[in-house]
N, C-alpha and C. Protein backbone atom coordinates (compact mmCIF):
# COMPACT_ATOMS: atom_id res chain seq x y z
N MET A 1 15.29 -6.19 9.72
CA MET A 1 16.62 -6.45 9.45
C MET A 1 17.36 -5.77 8.30
N ASP A 2 18.69 -5.44 8.22
CA ASP A 2 18.97 -5.20 6.86
C ASP A 2 19.42 -6.71 6.42
N GLY A 3 19.65 -6.44 4.99
CA GLY A 3 20.46 -7.67 4.26
C GLY A 3 21.93 -8.15 4.38
N GLY A 4 22.59 -6.97 5.44
CA GLY A 4 23.88 -6.84 5.43
C GLY A 4 24.49 -8.41 6.07
N GLN A 5 24.10 -9.01 6.57
CA GLN A 5 24.26 -9.92 7.24
C GLN A 5 23.48 -11.37 7.01
N ASP A 6 24.41 -12.62 7.27
CA ASP A 6 23.75 -13.63 7.16
C ASP A 6 22.55 -14.26 7.97
N GLU A 7 21.40 -14.66 7.39
CA GLU A 7 20.40 -14.88 8.10
C GLU A 7 20.99 -15.84 9.39
N GLY A 8 21.89 -16.67 9.66
CA GLY A 8 22.61 -17.46 10.49
C GLY A 8 22.91 -16.11 11.47
N ASP A 9 23.38 -15.27 11.32
CA ASP A 9 23.80 -14.04 12.12
C ASP A 9 22.78 -13.63 13.00
N TYR A 10 21.85 -13.11 12.43
CA TYR A 10 20.25 -13.00 12.90
C TYR A 10 19.97 -14.10 13.76
N ILE A 11 19.71 -15.46 13.32
CA ILE A 11 19.32 -16.45 14.67
C ILE A 11 20.35 -16.58 15.64
N SER A 12 21.44 -16.56 15.12
CA SER A 12 22.52 -16.39 16.29
C SER A 12 22.13 -15.59 17.73
N LYS A 13 21.72 -14.01 17.25
CA LYS A 13 21.56 -13.24 18.22
C LYS A 13 20.25 -12.95 18.62
N LEU A 14 19.31 -13.72 18.07
CA LEU A 14 17.94 -13.99 18.26
C LEU A 14 17.38 -14.10 19.71
N ARG A 15 16.95 -13.35 20.78
CA ARG A 15 16.99 -13.08 22.12
C ARG A 15 15.37 -13.38 22.77
N THR A 16 14.65 -13.97 23.59
CA THR A 16 13.60 -13.80 23.80
C THR A 16 13.31 -13.20 25.58
N VAL A 17 12.16 -12.15 25.27
CA VAL A 17 12.39 -11.24 26.64
C VAL A 17 11.85 -12.38 27.55
N THR A 18 12.17 -12.18 28.71
CA THR A 18 11.56 -13.32 30.22
C THR A 18 10.63 -12.56 30.98
N GLU A 19 10.65 -11.06 31.06
CA GLU A 19 9.76 -10.63 32.04
C GLU A 19 9.57 -9.44 31.27
N GLY A 20 8.31 -8.85 32.32
CA GLY A 20 7.65 -7.36 31.97
C GLY A 20 7.20 -7.51 30.83
N GLU A 21 6.49 -6.25 30.16
CA GLU A 21 5.50 -6.21 29.11
C GLU A 21 5.66 -7.16 28.08
N TRP A 22 6.86 -7.18 27.55
CA TRP A 22 7.03 -7.74 25.98
C TRP A 22 7.75 -9.63 26.63
N ALA A 23 7.23 -10.11 27.43
CA ALA A 23 7.74 -11.36 27.85
C ALA A 23 7.53 -12.48 26.66
N GLY A 24 8.14 -13.10 26.55
CA GLY A 24 7.54 -14.09 25.47
C GLY A 24 7.77 -13.45 23.96
N TRP A 25 8.09 -12.40 23.68
CA TRP A 25 8.32 -11.48 22.58
C TRP A 25 9.93 -11.91 22.29
N SER A 26 10.54 -12.12 20.83
CA SER A 26 11.47 -12.47 20.29
C SER A 26 12.05 -10.82 19.91
N TYR A 27 13.52 -10.54 19.92
CA TYR A 27 13.99 -9.55 18.94
C TYR A 27 15.47 -9.95 18.74
N TYR A 28 16.13 -8.86 18.05
CA TYR A 28 17.21 -9.34 17.58
C TYR A 28 18.53 -7.99 17.91
N PRO A 29 19.21 -8.11 19.10
CA PRO A 29 19.96 -7.09 19.71
C PRO A 29 21.08 -6.90 18.45
N GLY A 30 21.23 -5.60 18.32
CA GLY A 30 22.19 -5.86 17.52
C GLY A 30 22.28 -5.81 16.18
N GLY A 31 20.82 -6.44 15.80
CA GLY A 31 20.93 -7.07 14.35
C GLY A 31 20.85 -6.09 13.33
N ASP A 32 20.49 -4.85 13.47
CA ASP A 32 20.35 -3.67 12.83
C ASP A 32 20.32 -2.62 13.27
N PRO A 33 21.64 -1.60 13.49
CA PRO A 33 21.64 -0.44 13.90
C PRO A 33 20.49 0.35 13.48
N TYR A 34 20.38 0.34 12.81
CA TYR A 34 18.80 1.70 12.20
C TYR A 34 18.00 0.95 13.03
N GLU A 35 17.66 0.28 13.25
CA GLU A 35 16.37 -0.73 13.65
C GLU A 35 16.40 -0.57 15.36
N ASP A 36 17.72 -0.72 15.65
CA ASP A 36 17.70 -0.97 17.00
C ASP A 36 17.54 0.54 17.39
N LEU A 37 17.98 1.63 16.75
CA LEU A 37 17.69 3.04 16.88
C LEU A 37 15.99 3.17 16.85
N ALA A 38 15.58 2.72 15.82
CA ALA A 38 14.07 3.05 15.95
C ALA A 38 13.35 2.36 17.08
N GLY A 39 13.54 1.53 17.08
CA GLY A 39 12.92 0.15 17.89
C GLY A 39 12.80 0.70 19.51
N PRO A 40 12.74 -0.43 20.51
CA PRO A 40 12.56 -1.85 20.05
C PRO A 40 11.55 -2.44 19.22
N PHE A 41 11.70 -3.08 18.46
CA PHE A 41 10.82 -3.74 17.54
C PHE A 41 10.75 -5.50 18.20
N TYR A 42 9.90 -5.84 18.39
CA TYR A 42 9.84 -7.33 18.94
C TYR A 42 8.62 -8.44 17.64
N PHE A 43 8.82 -9.76 17.71
CA PHE A 43 8.12 -10.71 16.95
C PHE A 43 7.82 -11.77 18.05
N GLN A 44 6.58 -12.31 17.42
CA GLN A 44 6.30 -13.92 18.26
C GLN A 44 5.50 -14.19 17.47
N GLU A 45 5.14 -15.83 17.59
CA GLU A 45 4.20 -16.58 16.85
C GLU A 45 2.94 -16.72 17.46
N ARG A 46 2.23 -16.08 16.53
CA ARG A 46 0.44 -16.32 17.27
C ARG A 46 -0.29 -16.82 16.34
N ASP A 47 -1.02 -17.76 16.79
CA ASP A 47 -2.23 -18.79 16.04
C ASP A 47 -1.61 -19.22 14.36
N GLY A 48 -0.38 -19.61 14.53
CA GLY A 48 0.60 -20.23 13.62
C GLY A 48 1.08 -18.89 12.51
N ARG A 49 1.03 -17.55 13.00
CA ARG A 49 1.59 -16.69 12.00
C ARG A 49 2.30 -15.70 12.71
N ARG A 50 3.33 -15.19 12.47
CA ARG A 50 4.30 -14.01 12.94
C ARG A 50 3.51 -12.98 12.86
N VAL A 51 3.77 -12.34 14.84
CA VAL A 51 3.20 -10.78 14.71
C VAL A 51 4.15 -10.10 14.92
N CYS A 52 4.35 -8.88 14.54
CA CYS A 52 5.43 -8.01 14.79
C CYS A 52 4.77 -6.67 15.73
N ALA A 53 5.63 -6.14 16.80
CA ALA A 53 4.88 -5.13 17.68
C ALA A 53 5.96 -4.53 18.02
N PHE A 54 5.39 -3.31 18.71
CA PHE A 54 6.30 -2.32 19.50
C PHE A 54 5.27 -1.03 20.18
N ARG A 55 5.71 -0.59 21.11
CA ARG A 55 4.69 0.33 21.77
C ARG A 55 5.62 1.82 21.52
N ALA A 56 4.25 2.60 20.80
CA ALA A 56 4.93 4.06 20.17
C ALA A 56 4.82 4.76 21.73
N GLU A 57 6.66 5.65 21.40
CA GLU A 57 7.32 6.00 22.31
C GLU A 57 7.16 8.07 21.78
N ARG A 58 7.48 8.84 22.21
CA ARG A 58 7.48 10.18 21.96
C ARG A 58 8.54 10.53 20.47
N LYS A 59 9.85 9.45 21.11
CA LYS A 59 10.44 9.42 19.35
C LYS A 59 9.97 8.88 18.25
N HIS A 60 8.74 8.54 18.19
CA HIS A 60 8.06 7.97 17.24
C HIS A 60 7.10 8.86 16.15
N MET A 61 6.90 9.88 17.05
CA MET A 61 6.37 10.96 16.72
C MET A 61 6.48 11.86 15.28
N ASN A 62 5.92 12.81 14.54
CA ASN A 62 5.85 13.87 13.93
C ASN A 62 5.49 15.01 14.49
N GLY A 63 5.82 16.24 14.46
CA GLY A 63 5.69 17.48 14.75
C GLY A 63 4.30 17.35 15.25
N GLY A 64 3.27 16.89 14.79
CA GLY A 64 2.07 17.04 15.31
C GLY A 64 1.56 16.07 16.24
N MET A 65 2.60 15.13 16.45
CA MET A 65 2.41 13.89 17.72
C MET A 65 1.60 13.02 17.06
N PHE A 66 1.44 12.92 15.93
CA PHE A 66 0.79 11.49 15.36
C PHE A 66 2.09 10.63 14.78
N MET A 67 2.28 9.28 14.65
CA MET A 67 3.31 8.38 14.66
C MET A 67 3.71 8.93 12.89
N HIS A 68 5.02 9.28 12.89
CA HIS A 68 5.85 9.55 11.84
C HIS A 68 5.55 8.98 10.91
N GLY A 69 5.42 8.95 9.80
CA GLY A 69 5.15 8.03 8.18
C GLY A 69 6.80 6.95 8.29
N GLY A 70 7.76 7.96 8.22
CA GLY A 70 8.84 6.96 8.57
C GLY A 70 9.32 6.22 9.37
N CYS A 71 8.30 6.42 10.78
CA CYS A 71 8.81 5.27 11.63
C CYS A 71 7.80 3.93 11.34
N MET A 72 6.63 3.98 10.57
CA MET A 72 5.87 3.06 10.39
C MET A 72 6.62 2.72 9.07
N MET A 73 7.20 3.13 7.86
CA MET A 73 8.05 2.31 7.09
C MET A 73 8.98 1.67 7.94
N THR A 74 9.89 2.12 8.52
CA THR A 74 11.05 1.20 8.91
C THR A 74 10.63 -0.04 9.68
N PHE A 75 9.34 0.15 11.01
CA PHE A 75 8.67 -1.20 11.13
C PHE A 75 8.22 -1.82 10.37
N ALA A 76 7.73 -1.35 9.13
CA ALA A 76 7.47 -2.67 8.19
C ALA A 76 8.36 -3.23 7.06
N ASP A 77 9.30 -2.67 7.25
CA ASP A 77 10.64 -3.26 6.67
C ASP A 77 11.11 -4.13 7.65
N PHE A 78 11.17 -3.84 9.08
CA PHE A 78 11.66 -4.98 10.00
C PHE A 78 10.65 -5.97 9.64
N CYS A 79 9.58 -5.81 9.42
CA CYS A 79 8.51 -6.88 9.60
C CYS A 79 8.49 -7.54 8.36
N LEU A 80 8.77 -6.99 7.12
CA LEU A 80 8.88 -8.03 5.82
C LEU A 80 10.02 -9.02 6.21
N PHE A 81 10.88 -9.11 7.08
CA PHE A 81 12.21 -9.84 7.11
C PHE A 81 11.89 -10.85 7.98
N VAL A 82 10.62 -10.44 9.17
CA VAL A 82 10.19 -11.21 9.97
C VAL A 82 9.24 -12.37 9.15
N ILE A 83 8.58 -11.59 8.45
CA ILE A 83 7.20 -12.38 7.96
C ILE A 83 7.58 -13.37 7.00
N ALA A 84 8.77 -12.90 6.31
CA ALA A 84 9.37 -13.81 5.49
C ALA A 84 10.69 -14.68 5.78
N GLY A 85 10.82 -14.51 7.14
CA GLY A 85 12.06 -15.48 7.59
C GLY A 85 11.93 -16.56 7.05
N GLU A 86 11.29 -17.54 6.83
CA GLU A 86 11.25 -18.97 6.35
C GLU A 86 11.76 -19.08 5.11
N ALA A 87 11.36 -17.96 4.35
CA ALA A 87 11.37 -18.23 2.58
C ALA A 87 12.98 -17.80 2.82
N LEU A 88 13.62 -17.04 3.57
CA LEU A 88 14.84 -16.32 3.50
C LEU A 88 15.95 -17.45 4.47
N GLN A 89 15.70 -18.69 4.51
CA GLN A 89 16.51 -19.48 5.64
C GLN A 89 17.75 -19.82 4.49
N GLU A 90 18.83 -19.32 4.76
CA GLU A 90 20.18 -19.40 5.02
C GLU A 90 20.18 -18.51 3.54
N SER A 91 19.69 -17.72 3.33
CA SER A 91 19.87 -16.19 2.33
C SER A 91 19.91 -14.94 3.08
N ARG A 92 20.76 -13.99 2.38
CA ARG A 92 20.66 -12.71 2.70
C ARG A 92 19.75 -11.74 1.43
N ALA A 93 19.49 -10.97 2.48
CA ALA A 93 18.32 -10.18 1.30
C ALA A 93 18.24 -8.89 1.62
N VAL A 94 17.97 -7.91 0.21
CA VAL A 94 17.55 -6.43 0.42
C VAL A 94 15.93 -6.16 0.09
N THR A 95 15.92 -5.15 0.82
CA THR A 95 14.54 -5.02 0.21
C THR A 95 14.60 -3.87 -1.18
N ALA A 96 13.98 -4.90 -2.19
CA ALA A 96 13.95 -3.44 -3.62
C ALA A 96 13.04 -3.16 -4.22
N THR A 97 11.81 -3.58 -3.67
CA THR A 97 10.79 -2.56 -3.60
C THR A 97 9.66 -2.53 -2.66
N PHE A 98 9.40 -1.22 -2.35
CA PHE A 98 8.42 -0.95 -0.86
C PHE A 98 7.14 -0.16 -1.80
N ASN A 99 5.96 -0.56 -1.18
CA ASN A 99 4.55 0.38 -1.84
C ASN A 99 4.17 0.29 -0.12
N GLY A 100 3.35 1.46 0.36
CA GLY A 100 2.85 1.47 1.27
C GLY A 100 1.77 2.62 1.17
N GLU A 101 0.92 2.21 1.69
CA GLU A 101 -0.36 3.62 2.22
C GLU A 101 -0.71 3.79 3.53
N PHE A 102 -0.31 4.76 4.00
CA PHE A 102 -0.90 5.48 5.21
C PHE A 102 -2.39 5.74 5.48
N VAL A 103 -2.92 4.87 6.74
CA VAL A 103 -4.26 5.18 6.66
C VAL A 103 -4.73 5.49 7.57
N GLY A 104 -3.97 5.28 8.75
CA GLY A 104 -4.11 5.71 10.34
C GLY A 104 -3.06 6.18 11.27
N SER A 105 -3.14 6.17 12.48
CA SER A 105 -1.77 6.60 12.86
C SER A 105 -2.11 5.90 14.48
N ALA A 106 -1.23 6.43 15.27
CA ALA A 106 -0.89 5.96 16.97
C ALA A 106 -0.49 7.28 17.47
N ALA A 107 -0.98 6.94 18.83
CA ALA A 107 -0.51 8.01 19.58
C ALA A 107 0.31 7.73 20.68
N ILE A 108 1.30 8.29 21.58
CA ILE A 108 2.42 8.15 22.40
C ILE A 108 1.58 6.68 23.52
N GLY A 109 2.46 6.11 23.22
CA GLY A 109 1.54 4.94 24.66
C GLY A 109 1.13 3.64 23.78
N ASP A 110 0.45 3.98 22.88
CA ASP A 110 -0.22 2.85 21.61
C ASP A 110 0.76 1.78 21.67
N ILE A 111 -0.17 0.93 21.01
CA ILE A 111 0.66 -0.56 21.30
C ILE A 111 0.35 -1.02 19.22
N VAL A 112 1.51 -1.03 18.62
CA VAL A 112 1.24 -1.03 17.20
C VAL A 112 2.11 -2.40 16.68
N GLU A 113 0.92 -3.42 15.87
CA GLU A 113 1.10 -4.53 15.62
C GLU A 113 0.97 -5.08 14.32
N CYS A 114 1.79 -5.90 13.62
CA CYS A 114 1.82 -6.32 12.33
C CYS A 114 1.50 -7.45 11.86
N THR A 115 0.90 -7.66 11.03
CA THR A 115 0.65 -9.33 10.31
C THR A 115 0.88 -9.11 8.92
N GLY A 116 1.15 -10.32 8.55
CA GLY A 116 1.24 -10.48 6.90
C GLY A 116 1.69 -11.91 6.47
N GLU A 117 2.03 -12.02 4.88
CA GLU A 117 2.06 -12.74 4.38
C GLU A 117 3.18 -13.09 3.37
N VAL A 118 3.59 -14.09 3.06
CA VAL A 118 4.63 -14.23 1.82
C VAL A 118 3.38 -14.73 0.49
N VAL A 119 3.61 -14.07 -0.31
CA VAL A 119 2.84 -13.98 -1.44
C VAL A 119 3.36 -15.09 -2.54
N LYS A 120 4.57 -14.80 -2.60
CA LYS A 120 5.11 -16.19 -3.30
C LYS A 120 6.93 -16.03 -3.19
N ALA A 121 7.53 -16.98 -2.89
CA ALA A 121 8.62 -17.00 -3.02
C ALA A 121 9.29 -17.66 -3.88
N GLY A 122 10.38 -17.22 -4.57
CA GLY A 122 10.84 -17.72 -5.59
C GLY A 122 12.05 -17.92 -5.44
N ARG A 123 13.01 -18.32 -6.13
CA ARG A 123 14.50 -18.40 -6.57
C ARG A 123 15.43 -17.34 -6.06
N SER A 124 15.20 -16.17 -6.60
CA SER A 124 15.82 -14.70 -6.13
C SER A 124 15.05 -14.00 -5.72
N MET A 125 13.58 -13.97 -5.60
CA MET A 125 13.05 -13.02 -5.00
C MET A 125 11.49 -13.08 -3.82
N VAL A 126 11.39 -12.77 -2.98
CA VAL A 126 10.08 -13.19 -2.10
C VAL A 126 9.25 -11.94 -2.00
N PHE A 127 8.15 -12.21 -2.27
CA PHE A 127 6.93 -11.26 -2.45
C PHE A 127 6.14 -11.06 -1.00
N VAL A 128 6.13 -10.01 -0.62
CA VAL A 128 5.49 -10.15 0.99
C VAL A 128 4.24 -8.78 0.99
N ARG A 129 3.33 -9.08 1.72
CA ARG A 129 2.63 -7.99 2.16
C ARG A 129 2.01 -8.34 3.42
N GLY A 130 1.44 -7.04 4.05
CA GLY A 130 1.16 -6.91 5.51
C GLY A 130 0.60 -5.53 6.13
N VAL A 131 -0.28 -5.81 6.74
CA VAL A 131 -0.96 -4.50 7.30
C VAL A 131 -0.27 -4.39 8.78
N ILE A 132 -0.23 -2.86 8.99
CA ILE A 132 0.11 -2.30 10.28
C ILE A 132 -1.15 -2.15 11.03
N VAL A 133 -1.36 -2.20 11.97
CA VAL A 133 -2.71 -1.38 13.11
C VAL A 133 -2.49 -1.24 14.47
N ASN A 134 -3.20 -0.30 14.72
CA ASN A 134 -2.96 0.34 16.17
C ASN A 134 -3.74 -0.86 17.20
N ALA A 135 -3.28 -1.56 17.82
CA ALA A 135 -3.72 -2.68 18.70
C ALA A 135 -4.41 -1.95 20.03
N SER A 136 -4.04 -0.95 20.42
CA SER A 136 -4.68 0.07 21.24
C SER A 136 -6.26 0.50 21.28
N GLN A 137 -6.29 0.64 19.80
CA GLN A 137 -7.36 1.41 19.35
C GLN A 137 -8.74 -0.32 18.61
N GLY A 138 -8.29 -0.86 19.09
CA GLY A 138 -9.21 -2.25 18.36
C GLY A 138 -8.66 -2.42 16.99
N GLY A 139 -7.43 -2.32 16.82
CA GLY A 139 -7.29 -3.12 15.33
C GLY A 139 -7.06 -2.02 14.17
N GLU A 140 -7.02 -0.72 14.48
CA GLU A 140 -7.31 0.32 13.45
C GLU A 140 -5.77 0.11 12.42
N PRO A 141 -6.76 -0.15 11.60
CA PRO A 141 -5.60 0.17 10.25
C PRO A 141 -4.79 1.23 10.32
N MET A 142 -3.41 0.96 10.07
CA MET A 142 -2.68 2.29 10.07
C MET A 142 -1.54 2.27 8.99
N MET A 143 -1.49 1.26 8.61
CA MET A 143 -0.87 1.09 6.96
C MET A 143 -1.15 -0.14 6.35
N SER A 144 -1.11 -0.66 5.14
CA SER A 144 -0.87 -1.42 4.62
C SER A 144 0.19 -1.10 3.10
N PHE A 145 1.02 -2.89 3.24
CA PHE A 145 2.57 -2.74 2.20
C PHE A 145 2.22 -3.84 1.61
N SER A 146 3.37 -3.44 0.59
CA SER A 146 3.98 -4.80 -0.13
C SER A 146 4.92 -4.72 -0.80
N SER A 147 5.94 -5.76 -0.82
CA SER A 147 7.54 -5.69 -0.70
C SER A 147 7.95 -6.48 -1.76
N VAL A 148 8.81 -6.41 -2.60
CA VAL A 148 9.75 -7.29 -2.95
C VAL A 148 11.26 -7.46 -2.22
N LEU A 149 11.29 -8.65 -1.48
CA LEU A 149 12.78 -8.68 -0.96
C LEU A 149 13.56 -9.63 -2.00
N LYS A 150 15.25 -8.92 -2.54
CA LYS A 150 15.75 -9.82 -3.44
C LYS A 150 16.72 -10.47 -2.75
N LYS A 151 17.01 -11.79 -3.13
CA LYS A 151 17.92 -12.41 -2.49
C LYS A 151 19.32 -11.82 -3.09
N VAL A 152 20.15 -12.12 -1.97
CA VAL A 152 21.83 -11.25 -2.89
C VAL A 152 22.94 -12.36 -2.32
N GLY A 153 23.99 -12.31 -2.60
CA GLY A 153 25.01 -13.09 -2.24
C GLY A 153 26.07 -12.35 -1.08
N PRO A 154 26.87 -12.93 -0.75
CA PRO A 154 27.56 -12.01 -0.01
C PRO A 154 28.35 -10.82 -0.52
N ARG A 155 28.37 -9.59 0.26
CA ARG A 155 29.28 -8.25 -0.56
C ARG A 155 30.60 -8.62 -0.50
N ARG A 156 31.12 -7.87 -1.67
CA ARG A 156 32.56 -8.35 -1.90
C ARG A 156 33.40 -7.67 -1.05
N GLY A 157 34.43 -8.65 -0.70
CA GLY A 157 35.73 -8.54 0.35
C GLY A 157 35.09 -9.12 1.62
N SER A 158 33.75 -9.44 1.68
CA SER A 158 33.29 -10.28 2.93
C SER A 158 33.95 -11.37 3.42
C-alpha cells in the first residue's frame, strides 16, 4: 500500500476472496496502482499473525527465470503496511527506510509468503521486520527485511 491515501480509504476498499485458490484471503482492489500491476497480493490472519502471499507468475521473473528482486521488494513493501496495520490505524504513512537481504528465490507457480512483526510503534515512526519464504519449497527463505514507516499528514491541497 502506498501512503497516499487515508487508512480508512484502504479499509473501505478491503475485499475478501470468496472462491478459488485465494478463498478467505483479503486484498485491496485499487488500493495502490503499482501494487495492483505487480500483484495481486493477498493477506489473512493465521494463528494471530498476518500472513501475506501471492502466486509467482512469469511477470514476476527476471531474465534468468528467477523471481526478480524488484518483485520481492514490492511485495515486502506491501507486507510492511499489512503487518503494521494496527499501528497505523487512523494514520497515513510512507516507507522511510528499507533494508533487505536476498537469500533465495521462487519459480513460476510457487506460492510466496511473508510474515513479520512490528518491532516498535512510536508516535511518528513504526519499525517493522519480516521474512519472505517460498511456501512451495517448504518455507525456504527468500528475503529478510526491515523498514521504518513514517507517519505523515495529508498532502497539501488534499
